[in-house]
Amino acid sequence: MKIALIGASGFIGTALLTEALSRGHHVTALVTRPERVAPQENLIIIKSDVLNTDALAEQLRGVDAVISAFSGHAQDDVYSYYIKGFNSILAATQQASVPQLLVVGGAATLEIAPGKRLLDTPEFPAEYRATAEGAQTALETLRAQTAQAWTFLSPAAEIFPGERSGNFRIGGDTLLTDSEGNSRISVQDYAIAMIDELENPRHTNQRFCVAY
């Protein structure tokens, strides 16, 4: 498949890039700093500005799917920057008539009890609140529209560099935990779940989650 990967040089984006290339997909990496992505076979690296919707749409034309690992972590106003970028990505994907949009989400929007999100707990770190609220708004935006087929994948509460085991569980809108109450996934296994969904869509127009 021909994939456009937005944010390919980030923590999760790098793992997604590695997984997609390992399966023989052709990837266009859209990044703000192309020098951070090493040239590889089946990889095109392009400098991109997600806030320029028309230019982004041109960069997306002809791909089979867009995977957005876009984040606003490095910005002063994380929430506003993320929402502007996400809305531009969604609009550009529609403008380019891309069949499928897959979005890297967060765990904070997952429920830990009926009607109660991880984000709602008093222990939720304040430094991640703007990012989490941005992901919540993005998910609500996707659910409210019908013009673009989409999938939103939330990781476990803890995502970390680890092993590519392929052994994990898939869930829906509820945070998955293990027998000891931990919610964990390696970024490598998160990438497997995302590319599996890309290749064999089972959660179109849905959010799903992954954890051990």
N, C-alpha and C. Protein backbone atom coordinates (compact mmCIF):
# COMPACT_ATOMS: atom_id res chain seq x y z
N MET A 1 0.83 -1.20 0.00
CA MET A 1 0.00 0.00 0.00
C MET A 1 0.87 1.25 0.00
N LYS A 2 0.29 2.34 -0.47
CA LYS A 2 0.96 3.64 -0.41
C LYS A 2 0.40 4.39 0.80
N ILE A 3 1.27 4.71 1.75
CA ILE A 3 0.86 5.32 3.01
C ILE A 3 1.53 6.67 3.17
N ALA A 4 0.78 7.67 3.60
CA ALA A 4 1.35 8.93 4.04
C ALA A 4 1.36 8.91 5.56
N LEU A 5 2.53 9.06 6.15
CA LEU A 5 2.68 9.03 7.60
C LEU A 5 3.07 10.42 8.10
N ILE A 6 2.16 11.08 8.76
CA ILE A 6 2.40 12.41 9.30
C ILE A 6 3.00 12.29 10.69
N GLY A 7 4.13 12.95 10.91
CA GLY A 7 4.80 12.84 12.20
C GLY A 7 5.68 11.60 12.29
N ALA A 8 6.30 11.24 11.19
CA ALA A 8 7.06 9.99 11.12
C ALA A 8 8.34 9.99 11.94
N SER A 9 8.78 11.16 12.40
CA SER A 9 10.03 11.21 13.16
C SER A 9 9.81 11.21 14.67
N GLY A 10 8.55 11.18 15.11
CA GLY A 10 8.25 11.21 16.54
C GLY A 10 8.37 9.85 17.19
N PHE A 11 8.08 9.79 18.47
CA PHE A 11 8.21 8.56 19.26
C PHE A 11 7.35 7.43 18.68
N ILE A 12 6.07 7.69 18.51
CA ILE A 12 5.19 6.66 17.95
C ILE A 12 5.35 6.60 16.43
N GLY A 13 5.52 7.75 15.80
CA GLY A 13 5.68 7.78 14.35
C GLY A 13 6.85 6.95 13.86
N THR A 14 7.95 6.99 14.58
CA THR A 14 9.12 6.20 14.19
C THR A 14 8.82 4.71 14.22
N ALA A 15 8.10 4.27 15.23
CA ALA A 15 7.73 2.85 15.33
C ALA A 15 6.77 2.46 14.21
N LEU A 16 5.83 3.34 13.89
CA LEU A 16 4.90 3.07 12.79
C LEU A 16 5.64 3.00 11.46
N LEU A 17 6.61 3.87 11.26
CA LEU A 17 7.40 3.86 10.04
C LEU A 17 8.16 2.55 9.90
N THR A 18 8.81 2.13 10.96
CA THR A 18 9.57 0.88 10.95
C THR A 18 8.67 -0.30 10.63
N GLU A 19 7.51 -0.36 11.27
CA GLU A 19 6.59 -1.48 11.07
C GLU A 19 6.04 -1.50 9.65
N ALA A 20 5.64 -0.34 9.15
CA ALA A 20 5.07 -0.28 7.80
C ALA A 20 6.09 -0.68 6.74
N LEU A 21 7.31 -0.18 6.87
CA LEU A 21 8.35 -0.52 5.89
C LEU A 21 8.72 -1.99 5.98
N SER A 22 8.72 -2.54 7.18
CA SER A 22 9.08 -3.96 7.34
C SER A 22 8.08 -4.89 6.65
N ARG A 23 6.87 -4.38 6.40
CA ARG A 23 5.85 -5.19 5.74
C ARG A 23 5.77 -4.91 4.24
N GLY A 24 6.69 -4.10 3.74
CA GLY A 24 6.76 -3.85 2.31
C GLY A 24 5.90 -2.72 1.80
N HIS A 25 5.33 -1.93 2.69
CA HIS A 25 4.53 -0.80 2.24
C HIS A 25 5.42 0.33 1.74
N HIS A 26 4.88 1.17 0.89
CA HIS A 26 5.57 2.35 0.39
C HIS A 26 5.09 3.54 1.23
N VAL A 27 6.01 4.19 1.90
CA VAL A 27 5.64 5.23 2.85
C VAL A 27 6.19 6.59 2.42
N THR A 28 5.32 7.59 2.48
CA THR A 28 5.75 8.99 2.36
C THR A 28 5.73 9.58 3.75
N ALA A 29 6.90 9.91 4.28
CA ALA A 29 7.03 10.48 5.62
C ALA A 29 6.91 11.99 5.51
N LEU A 30 5.88 12.55 6.13
CA LEU A 30 5.65 13.99 6.12
C LEU A 30 6.06 14.53 7.49
N VAL A 31 7.13 15.32 7.48
CA VAL A 31 7.74 15.76 8.73
C VAL A 31 8.17 17.22 8.63
N THR A 32 8.33 17.88 9.76
CA THR A 32 8.82 19.26 9.76
C THR A 32 10.33 19.32 9.61
N ARG A 33 11.01 18.25 10.04
CA ARG A 33 12.48 18.21 9.95
C ARG A 33 12.91 16.93 9.24
N PRO A 34 13.03 16.97 7.92
CA PRO A 34 13.37 15.77 7.15
C PRO A 34 14.69 15.13 7.55
N GLU A 35 15.62 15.94 8.06
CA GLU A 35 16.93 15.39 8.43
C GLU A 35 16.84 14.39 9.58
N ARG A 36 15.72 14.35 10.26
CA ARG A 36 15.56 13.42 11.39
C ARG A 36 15.11 12.03 10.95
N VAL A 37 14.85 11.85 9.66
CA VAL A 37 14.41 10.56 9.15
C VAL A 37 15.47 10.01 8.21
N ALA A 38 15.95 8.82 8.50
CA ALA A 38 17.00 8.20 7.69
C ALA A 38 16.42 7.64 6.39
N PRO A 39 17.07 7.90 5.26
CA PRO A 39 16.60 7.35 3.99
C PRO A 39 16.59 5.82 4.01
N GLN A 40 15.55 5.24 3.44
CA GLN A 40 15.41 3.79 3.35
C GLN A 40 14.69 3.43 2.06
N GLU A 41 14.75 2.16 1.71
CA GLU A 41 14.02 1.69 0.54
C GLU A 41 12.52 1.84 0.77
N ASN A 42 11.80 2.20 -0.27
CA ASN A 42 10.34 2.38 -0.24
C ASN A 42 9.90 3.56 0.62
N LEU A 43 10.81 4.49 0.89
CA LEU A 43 10.50 5.64 1.72
C LEU A 43 10.79 6.94 0.98
N ILE A 44 9.79 7.84 0.96
CA ILE A 44 9.95 9.19 0.46
C ILE A 44 9.81 10.13 1.66
N ILE A 45 10.76 11.04 1.81
CA ILE A 45 10.75 11.96 2.94
C ILE A 45 10.47 13.36 2.43
N ILE A 46 9.43 13.99 2.98
CA ILE A 46 9.01 15.30 2.50
C ILE A 46 8.82 16.25 3.68
N LYS A 47 9.33 17.44 3.53
CA LYS A 47 9.08 18.49 4.52
C LYS A 47 7.64 18.96 4.36
N SER A 48 6.93 19.04 5.46
CA SER A 48 5.50 19.35 5.39
C SER A 48 5.09 20.26 6.53
N ASP A 49 4.09 21.09 6.26
CA ASP A 49 3.49 21.95 7.27
C ASP A 49 2.02 21.58 7.34
N VAL A 50 1.61 20.92 8.42
CA VAL A 50 0.23 20.44 8.51
C VAL A 50 -0.78 21.58 8.55
N LEU A 51 -0.36 22.77 8.90
CA LEU A 51 -1.29 23.89 8.97
C LEU A 51 -1.62 24.47 7.60
N ASN A 52 -0.84 24.10 6.59
CA ASN A 52 -1.10 24.54 5.21
C ASN A 52 -1.94 23.45 4.54
N THR A 53 -3.25 23.58 4.66
CA THR A 53 -4.15 22.51 4.23
C THR A 53 -4.03 22.19 2.75
N ASP A 54 -4.01 23.21 1.90
CA ASP A 54 -3.96 22.97 0.46
C ASP A 54 -2.67 22.27 0.05
N ALA A 55 -1.53 22.72 0.60
CA ALA A 55 -0.25 22.08 0.28
C ALA A 55 -0.21 20.65 0.80
N LEU A 56 -0.77 20.45 1.99
CA LEU A 56 -0.80 19.10 2.56
C LEU A 56 -1.65 18.18 1.69
N ALA A 57 -2.78 18.68 1.23
CA ALA A 57 -3.64 17.86 0.37
C ALA A 57 -2.91 17.40 -0.88
N GLU A 58 -2.10 18.27 -1.47
CA GLU A 58 -1.33 17.88 -2.64
C GLU A 58 -0.32 16.78 -2.30
N GLN A 59 0.26 16.86 -1.11
CA GLN A 59 1.22 15.83 -0.69
C GLN A 59 0.54 14.50 -0.41
N LEU A 60 -0.76 14.52 -0.13
CA LEU A 60 -1.50 13.30 0.19
C LEU A 60 -2.14 12.63 -1.02
N ARG A 61 -2.17 13.32 -2.13
CA ARG A 61 -2.87 12.78 -3.30
C ARG A 61 -2.23 11.46 -3.76
N GLY A 62 -3.10 10.48 -4.03
CA GLY A 62 -2.65 9.21 -4.57
C GLY A 62 -2.31 8.14 -3.55
N VAL A 63 -2.36 8.48 -2.26
CA VAL A 63 -2.05 7.45 -1.25
C VAL A 63 -3.31 6.66 -0.91
N ASP A 64 -3.10 5.46 -0.40
CA ASP A 64 -4.22 4.60 0.00
C ASP A 64 -4.72 4.91 1.40
N ALA A 65 -3.84 5.47 2.22
CA ALA A 65 -4.22 5.78 3.59
C ALA A 65 -3.29 6.83 4.16
N VAL A 66 -3.82 7.60 5.11
CA VAL A 66 -3.03 8.54 5.89
C VAL A 66 -3.01 8.04 7.33
N ILE A 67 -1.81 7.99 7.91
CA ILE A 67 -1.69 7.73 9.35
C ILE A 67 -1.16 9.00 9.98
N SER A 68 -1.91 9.53 10.93
CA SER A 68 -1.50 10.76 11.59
C SER A 68 -0.95 10.46 12.98
N ALA A 69 0.36 10.68 13.13
CA ALA A 69 1.00 10.62 14.45
C ALA A 69 1.39 12.03 14.87
N PHE A 70 0.62 13.01 14.37
CA PHE A 70 0.85 14.42 14.66
C PHE A 70 0.59 14.71 16.13
N SER A 71 1.42 15.57 16.71
CA SER A 71 1.21 16.00 18.10
C SER A 71 1.68 17.44 18.25
N GLY A 72 1.24 18.07 19.31
CA GLY A 72 1.65 19.45 19.56
C GLY A 72 2.49 19.59 20.80
N HIS A 73 3.15 18.51 21.21
CA HIS A 73 3.88 18.48 22.48
C HIS A 73 4.90 19.61 22.63
N ALA A 74 5.53 19.99 21.52
CA ALA A 74 6.63 20.96 21.60
C ALA A 74 6.16 22.41 21.56
N GLN A 75 4.84 22.63 21.46
CA GLN A 75 4.32 23.99 21.32
C GLN A 75 3.95 24.59 22.67
N ASP A 76 3.91 25.92 22.71
CA ASP A 76 3.51 26.59 23.94
C ASP A 76 2.03 26.36 24.25
N ASP A 77 1.19 26.49 23.23
CA ASP A 77 -0.23 26.23 23.39
C ASP A 77 -0.54 24.90 22.73
N VAL A 78 -0.34 23.83 23.47
CA VAL A 78 -0.43 22.48 22.92
C VAL A 78 -1.82 22.20 22.35
N TYR A 79 -2.85 22.52 23.10
CA TYR A 79 -4.21 22.19 22.68
C TYR A 79 -4.57 22.89 21.38
N SER A 80 -4.41 24.20 21.33
CA SER A 80 -4.81 24.97 20.15
C SER A 80 -4.03 24.55 18.91
N TYR A 81 -2.73 24.34 19.08
CA TYR A 81 -1.90 23.94 17.94
C TYR A 81 -2.33 22.56 17.44
N TYR A 82 -2.58 21.65 18.36
CA TYR A 82 -2.97 20.30 17.95
C TYR A 82 -4.30 20.33 17.20
N ILE A 83 -5.27 21.06 17.72
CA ILE A 83 -6.58 21.09 17.08
C ILE A 83 -6.50 21.73 15.70
N LYS A 84 -5.75 22.81 15.57
CA LYS A 84 -5.57 23.43 14.26
C LYS A 84 -4.94 22.43 13.29
N GLY A 85 -3.90 21.74 13.75
CA GLY A 85 -3.23 20.77 12.91
C GLY A 85 -4.12 19.59 12.56
N PHE A 86 -4.83 19.07 13.55
CA PHE A 86 -5.71 17.93 13.30
C PHE A 86 -6.81 18.29 12.31
N ASN A 87 -7.45 19.45 12.50
CA ASN A 87 -8.51 19.87 11.58
C ASN A 87 -7.99 20.04 10.16
N SER A 88 -6.76 20.54 10.04
CA SER A 88 -6.15 20.69 8.72
C SER A 88 -5.87 19.33 8.09
N ILE A 89 -5.38 18.39 8.89
CA ILE A 89 -5.12 17.03 8.39
C ILE A 89 -6.40 16.38 7.90
N LEU A 90 -7.46 16.51 8.69
CA LEU A 90 -8.75 15.93 8.30
C LEU A 90 -9.26 16.56 7.00
N ALA A 91 -9.17 17.87 6.91
CA ALA A 91 -9.63 18.56 5.70
C ALA A 91 -8.79 18.19 4.49
N ALA A 92 -7.48 18.11 4.66
CA ALA A 92 -6.59 17.76 3.55
C ALA A 92 -6.81 16.33 3.09
N THR A 93 -7.07 15.44 4.04
CA THR A 93 -7.34 14.04 3.69
C THR A 93 -8.61 13.93 2.85
N GLN A 94 -9.63 14.69 3.24
CA GLN A 94 -10.87 14.72 2.46
C GLN A 94 -10.63 15.35 1.09
N GLN A 95 -9.90 16.46 1.07
CA GLN A 95 -9.64 17.17 -0.18
C GLN A 95 -8.89 16.30 -1.17
N ALA A 96 -8.00 15.43 -0.65
CA ALA A 96 -7.20 14.55 -1.51
C ALA A 96 -7.91 13.23 -1.81
N SER A 97 -9.13 13.08 -1.29
CA SER A 97 -9.93 11.86 -1.50
C SER A 97 -9.18 10.60 -1.07
N VAL A 98 -8.55 10.68 0.09
CA VAL A 98 -7.85 9.51 0.65
C VAL A 98 -8.89 8.58 1.29
N PRO A 99 -8.86 7.29 0.96
CA PRO A 99 -9.90 6.39 1.46
C PRO A 99 -9.92 6.21 2.97
N GLN A 100 -8.77 6.29 3.63
CA GLN A 100 -8.70 5.88 5.03
C GLN A 100 -7.78 6.81 5.82
N LEU A 101 -8.25 7.27 6.98
CA LEU A 101 -7.45 8.08 7.89
C LEU A 101 -7.35 7.35 9.22
N LEU A 102 -6.13 7.06 9.64
CA LEU A 102 -5.89 6.42 10.93
C LEU A 102 -5.17 7.41 11.83
N VAL A 103 -5.66 7.55 13.06
CA VAL A 103 -5.17 8.58 13.96
C VAL A 103 -4.59 7.96 15.23
N VAL A 104 -3.39 8.38 15.58
CA VAL A 104 -2.78 7.99 16.85
C VAL A 104 -3.46 8.79 17.96
N GLY A 105 -4.15 8.10 18.84
CA GLY A 105 -4.84 8.76 19.94
C GLY A 105 -4.12 8.56 21.25
N GLY A 106 -4.75 8.99 22.31
CA GLY A 106 -4.17 8.82 23.64
C GLY A 106 -5.02 7.91 24.50
N ALA A 107 -4.48 7.53 25.65
CA ALA A 107 -5.22 6.66 26.57
C ALA A 107 -6.17 7.43 27.47
N ALA A 108 -5.93 8.73 27.61
CA ALA A 108 -6.69 9.52 28.59
C ALA A 108 -8.18 9.57 28.29
N THR A 109 -8.55 9.39 27.02
CA THR A 109 -9.95 9.46 26.64
C THR A 109 -10.69 8.15 26.89
N LEU A 110 -9.96 7.10 27.26
CA LEU A 110 -10.58 5.81 27.55
C LEU A 110 -11.30 5.83 28.89
N GLU A 111 -12.37 5.07 28.99
CA GLU A 111 -13.14 5.01 30.23
C GLU A 111 -12.52 4.01 31.20
N ILE A 112 -12.51 4.39 32.47
CA ILE A 112 -12.08 3.47 33.53
C ILE A 112 -13.29 2.97 34.31
N ALA A 113 -14.43 3.60 34.10
CA ALA A 113 -15.73 3.22 34.64
C ALA A 113 -16.77 3.88 33.75
N PRO A 114 -18.00 3.40 33.75
CA PRO A 114 -19.01 4.01 32.88
C PRO A 114 -19.11 5.53 33.08
N GLY A 115 -18.86 6.28 32.01
CA GLY A 115 -18.96 7.73 32.07
C GLY A 115 -17.77 8.43 32.71
N LYS A 116 -16.73 7.69 33.10
CA LYS A 116 -15.56 8.29 33.73
C LYS A 116 -14.31 7.92 32.94
N ARG A 117 -13.63 8.95 32.43
CA ARG A 117 -12.42 8.74 31.64
C ARG A 117 -11.18 8.76 32.53
N LEU A 118 -10.11 8.21 32.03
CA LEU A 118 -8.83 8.31 32.72
C LEU A 118 -8.47 9.77 32.94
N LEU A 119 -8.81 10.62 31.99
CA LEU A 119 -8.56 12.05 32.08
C LEU A 119 -9.26 12.69 33.29
N ASP A 120 -10.36 12.10 33.73
CA ASP A 120 -11.16 12.67 34.82
C ASP A 120 -10.63 12.35 36.21
N THR A 121 -9.63 11.49 36.30
CA THR A 121 -9.13 11.09 37.62
C THR A 121 -8.22 12.17 38.19
N PRO A 122 -8.22 12.35 39.51
CA PRO A 122 -7.38 13.39 40.12
C PRO A 122 -5.89 13.12 39.95
N GLU A 123 -5.52 11.87 39.70
CA GLU A 123 -4.11 11.52 39.55
C GLU A 123 -3.57 11.83 38.17
N PHE A 124 -4.45 12.21 37.23
CA PHE A 124 -3.98 12.43 35.86
C PHE A 124 -3.00 13.60 35.84
N PRO A 125 -1.79 13.41 35.26
CA PRO A 125 -0.75 14.46 35.29
C PRO A 125 -1.18 15.73 34.57
N ALA A 126 -1.02 16.86 35.22
CA ALA A 126 -1.43 18.15 34.66
C ALA A 126 -0.68 18.46 33.37
N GLU A 127 0.58 18.01 33.26
CA GLU A 127 1.38 18.35 32.08
C GLU A 127 0.88 17.66 30.81
N TYR A 128 0.05 16.62 30.96
CA TYR A 128 -0.48 15.92 29.79
C TYR A 128 -1.92 16.28 29.49
N ARG A 129 -2.52 17.16 30.30
CA ARG A 129 -3.94 17.45 30.16
C ARG A 129 -4.27 18.09 28.81
N ALA A 130 -3.47 19.05 28.37
CA ALA A 130 -3.77 19.72 27.11
C ALA A 130 -3.72 18.74 25.94
N THR A 131 -2.74 17.87 25.95
CA THR A 131 -2.64 16.84 24.90
C THR A 131 -3.85 15.93 24.92
N ALA A 132 -4.24 15.50 26.13
CA ALA A 132 -5.39 14.60 26.27
C ALA A 132 -6.68 15.26 25.82
N GLU A 133 -6.85 16.52 26.18
CA GLU A 133 -8.06 17.23 25.78
C GLU A 133 -8.09 17.45 24.26
N GLY A 134 -6.93 17.64 23.67
CA GLY A 134 -6.86 17.74 22.22
C GLY A 134 -7.29 16.44 21.55
N ALA A 135 -6.83 15.33 22.08
CA ALA A 135 -7.22 14.02 21.54
C ALA A 135 -8.72 13.78 21.70
N GLN A 136 -9.29 14.22 22.81
CA GLN A 136 -10.72 14.08 23.03
C GLN A 136 -11.51 14.88 21.99
N THR A 137 -11.08 16.11 21.75
CA THR A 137 -11.76 16.94 20.75
C THR A 137 -11.64 16.33 19.36
N ALA A 138 -10.45 15.81 19.04
CA ALA A 138 -10.25 15.17 17.74
C ALA A 138 -11.18 13.97 17.57
N LEU A 139 -11.30 13.16 18.61
CA LEU A 139 -12.17 11.99 18.54
C LEU A 139 -13.62 12.41 18.35
N GLU A 140 -14.05 13.44 19.07
CA GLU A 140 -15.42 13.93 18.92
C GLU A 140 -15.66 14.48 17.52
N THR A 141 -14.65 15.14 16.95
CA THR A 141 -14.76 15.66 15.59
C THR A 141 -14.93 14.54 14.58
N LEU A 142 -14.14 13.49 14.74
CA LEU A 142 -14.24 12.34 13.83
C LEU A 142 -15.61 11.68 13.93
N ARG A 143 -16.10 11.53 15.12
CA ARG A 143 -17.39 10.87 15.33
C ARG A 143 -18.55 11.69 14.79
N ALA A 144 -18.38 13.01 14.73
CA ALA A 144 -19.47 13.90 14.32
C ALA A 144 -19.57 14.07 12.81
N GLN A 145 -18.57 13.59 12.07
CA GLN A 145 -18.58 13.77 10.61
C GLN A 145 -18.74 12.43 9.91
N THR A 146 -19.17 12.49 8.66
CA THR A 146 -19.38 11.27 7.88
C THR A 146 -18.65 11.31 6.54
N ALA A 147 -17.92 12.38 6.29
CA ALA A 147 -17.28 12.54 4.98
C ALA A 147 -16.01 11.71 4.83
N GLN A 148 -15.37 11.37 5.95
CA GLN A 148 -14.09 10.69 5.90
C GLN A 148 -14.12 9.42 6.74
N ALA A 149 -13.76 8.29 6.13
CA ALA A 149 -13.61 7.05 6.90
C ALA A 149 -12.38 7.17 7.79
N TRP A 150 -12.49 6.75 9.04
CA TRP A 150 -11.42 6.97 10.00
C TRP A 150 -11.34 5.82 11.00
N THR A 151 -10.19 5.77 11.68
CA THR A 151 -9.98 4.88 12.82
C THR A 151 -9.07 5.61 13.80
N PHE A 152 -9.36 5.46 15.07
CA PHE A 152 -8.61 6.15 16.14
C PHE A 152 -8.12 5.08 17.10
N LEU A 153 -6.80 4.95 17.24
CA LEU A 153 -6.23 3.90 18.08
C LEU A 153 -5.60 4.48 19.34
N SER A 154 -6.17 4.14 20.49
CA SER A 154 -5.63 4.57 21.78
C SER A 154 -4.68 3.51 22.33
N PRO A 155 -3.53 3.92 22.83
CA PRO A 155 -2.62 2.97 23.47
C PRO A 155 -3.05 2.70 24.90
N ALA A 156 -2.29 1.88 25.59
CA ALA A 156 -2.46 1.69 27.02
C ALA A 156 -2.02 2.97 27.74
N ALA A 157 -2.27 3.02 29.05
CA ALA A 157 -1.90 4.20 29.83
C ALA A 157 -0.40 4.46 29.79
N GLU A 158 0.37 3.38 29.72
CA GLU A 158 1.83 3.50 29.64
C GLU A 158 2.30 2.91 28.31
N ILE A 159 2.96 3.73 27.50
CA ILE A 159 3.53 3.25 26.24
C ILE A 159 5.02 3.55 26.27
N PHE A 160 5.82 2.56 25.92
CA PHE A 160 7.26 2.65 26.17
C PHE A 160 8.04 1.89 25.10
N PRO A 161 9.32 2.21 24.91
CA PRO A 161 10.16 1.42 24.01
C PRO A 161 10.36 0.02 24.60
N GLY A 162 10.10 -0.99 23.81
CA GLY A 162 10.20 -2.35 24.34
C GLY A 162 10.37 -3.36 23.23
N GLU A 163 9.71 -4.48 23.36
CA GLU A 163 9.83 -5.56 22.40
C GLU A 163 8.66 -5.58 21.43
N ARG A 164 8.92 -6.13 20.26
CA ARG A 164 7.86 -6.38 19.27
C ARG A 164 7.41 -7.83 19.47
N SER A 165 6.45 -8.02 20.34
CA SER A 165 6.03 -9.38 20.69
C SER A 165 4.85 -9.88 19.86
N GLY A 166 3.96 -8.97 19.47
CA GLY A 166 2.75 -9.38 18.77
C GLY A 166 1.70 -9.98 19.68
N ASN A 167 1.97 -10.01 20.97
CA ASN A 167 1.03 -10.57 21.94
C ASN A 167 0.39 -9.45 22.75
N PHE A 168 -0.84 -9.12 22.41
CA PHE A 168 -1.54 -8.04 23.10
C PHE A 168 -3.04 -8.26 22.93
N ARG A 169 -3.81 -7.45 23.63
CA ARG A 169 -5.26 -7.53 23.54
C ARG A 169 -5.81 -6.27 22.88
N ILE A 170 -6.92 -6.44 22.21
CA ILE A 170 -7.62 -5.34 21.56
C ILE A 170 -8.92 -5.08 22.30
N GLY A 171 -9.20 -3.80 22.55
CA GLY A 171 -10.44 -3.43 23.22
C GLY A 171 -11.15 -2.31 22.50
N GLY A 172 -12.14 -1.73 23.19
CA GLY A 172 -12.92 -0.65 22.60
C GLY A 172 -12.66 0.68 23.28
N ASP A 173 -13.67 1.18 24.00
CA ASP A 173 -13.57 2.48 24.63
C ASP A 173 -13.17 2.42 26.10
N THR A 174 -12.91 1.22 26.60
CA THR A 174 -12.56 1.05 28.01
C THR A 174 -11.08 0.71 28.15
N LEU A 175 -10.41 1.37 29.09
CA LEU A 175 -8.99 1.13 29.33
C LEU A 175 -8.75 -0.33 29.70
N LEU A 176 -7.82 -0.96 29.01
CA LEU A 176 -7.47 -2.36 29.31
C LEU A 176 -6.36 -2.41 30.35
N THR A 177 -6.50 -3.29 31.33
CA THR A 177 -5.48 -3.50 32.34
C THR A 177 -5.19 -4.98 32.48
N ASP A 178 -4.00 -5.30 33.01
CA ASP A 178 -3.66 -6.70 33.22
C ASP A 178 -4.14 -7.17 34.60
N SER A 179 -3.75 -8.37 34.98
CA SER A 179 -4.22 -8.94 36.24
C SER A 179 -3.75 -8.18 37.47
N GLU A 180 -2.70 -7.37 37.30
CA GLU A 180 -2.18 -6.57 38.41
C GLU A 180 -2.66 -5.11 38.35
N GLY A 181 -3.55 -4.83 37.41
CA GLY A 181 -4.10 -3.49 37.31
C GLY A 181 -3.27 -2.53 36.48
N ASN A 182 -2.24 -3.04 35.82
CA ASN A 182 -1.38 -2.18 35.00
C ASN A 182 -1.91 -2.10 33.56
N SER A 183 -1.75 -0.96 32.95
CA SER A 183 -2.15 -0.75 31.56
C SER A 183 -0.90 -0.35 30.78
N ARG A 184 -0.36 -1.30 29.98
CA ARG A 184 0.93 -1.08 29.36
C ARG A 184 0.95 -1.64 27.94
N ILE A 185 1.77 -1.02 27.08
CA ILE A 185 2.01 -1.54 25.73
C ILE A 185 3.34 -0.96 25.24
N SER A 186 4.10 -1.77 24.54
CA SER A 186 5.32 -1.24 23.92
C SER A 186 4.93 -0.47 22.66
N VAL A 187 5.73 0.50 22.29
CA VAL A 187 5.43 1.27 21.09
C VAL A 187 5.53 0.39 19.86
N GLN A 188 6.36 -0.64 19.93
CA GLN A 188 6.49 -1.58 18.81
C GLN A 188 5.21 -2.38 18.61
N ASP A 189 4.60 -2.83 19.72
CA ASP A 189 3.35 -3.59 19.60
C ASP A 189 2.18 -2.69 19.25
N TYR A 190 2.21 -1.45 19.72
CA TYR A 190 1.19 -0.48 19.28
C TYR A 190 1.25 -0.35 17.76
N ALA A 191 2.46 -0.27 17.22
CA ALA A 191 2.63 -0.12 15.77
C ALA A 191 2.07 -1.34 15.03
N ILE A 192 2.27 -2.52 15.59
CA ILE A 192 1.70 -3.72 14.96
C ILE A 192 0.18 -3.60 14.87
N ALA A 193 -0.45 -3.19 15.97
CA ALA A 193 -1.91 -3.07 16.00
C ALA A 193 -2.40 -2.06 14.96
N MET A 194 -1.68 -0.96 14.82
CA MET A 194 -2.08 0.07 13.85
C MET A 194 -1.94 -0.43 12.42
N ILE A 195 -0.81 -1.05 12.09
CA ILE A 195 -0.61 -1.51 10.71
C ILE A 195 -1.50 -2.72 10.41
N ASP A 196 -1.79 -3.54 11.41
CA ASP A 196 -2.78 -4.61 11.21
C ASP A 196 -4.12 -4.02 10.80
N GLU A 197 -4.51 -2.96 11.49
CA GLU A 197 -5.79 -2.29 11.16
C GLU A 197 -5.75 -1.69 9.77
N LEU A 198 -4.62 -1.12 9.42
CA LEU A 198 -4.46 -0.57 8.07
C LEU A 198 -4.68 -1.64 7.01
N GLU A 199 -4.06 -2.78 7.21
CA GLU A 199 -4.12 -3.85 6.22
C GLU A 199 -5.46 -4.57 6.21
N ASN A 200 -6.06 -4.74 7.38
CA ASN A 200 -7.34 -5.45 7.50
C ASN A 200 -8.27 -4.65 8.40
N PRO A 201 -8.93 -3.64 7.85
CA PRO A 201 -9.75 -2.76 8.69
C PRO A 201 -10.88 -3.50 9.40
N ARG A 202 -10.90 -3.35 10.71
CA ARG A 202 -11.95 -3.96 11.52
C ARG A 202 -12.63 -2.93 12.42
N HIS A 203 -12.11 -1.72 12.43
CA HIS A 203 -12.65 -0.69 13.31
C HIS A 203 -12.88 0.61 12.54
N THR A 204 -13.40 0.50 11.34
CA THR A 204 -13.66 1.70 10.55
C THR A 204 -14.73 2.55 11.23
N ASN A 205 -14.44 3.85 11.33
CA ASN A 205 -15.31 4.81 12.00
C ASN A 205 -15.52 4.47 13.48
N GLN A 206 -14.47 3.93 14.07
CA GLN A 206 -14.49 3.58 15.50
C GLN A 206 -13.16 3.92 16.15
N ARG A 207 -13.20 4.02 17.47
CA ARG A 207 -11.99 4.04 18.27
C ARG A 207 -11.79 2.64 18.86
N PHE A 208 -10.54 2.19 18.87
CA PHE A 208 -10.24 0.95 19.59
C PHE A 208 -8.94 1.17 20.37
N CYS A 209 -8.62 0.24 21.22
CA CYS A 209 -7.43 0.39 22.06
C CYS A 209 -6.64 -0.91 22.10
N VAL A 210 -5.40 -0.81 22.56
CA VAL A 210 -4.51 -1.96 22.61
C VAL A 210 -3.71 -1.91 23.91
N ALA A 211 -3.52 -3.08 24.51
CA ALA A 211 -2.73 -3.19 25.76
C ALA A 211 -2.41 -4.65 26.00
N TYR A 212 -1.46 -4.88 26.91
CA TYR A 212 -1.15 -6.25 27.31
C TYR A 212 -2.20 -6.76 28.28
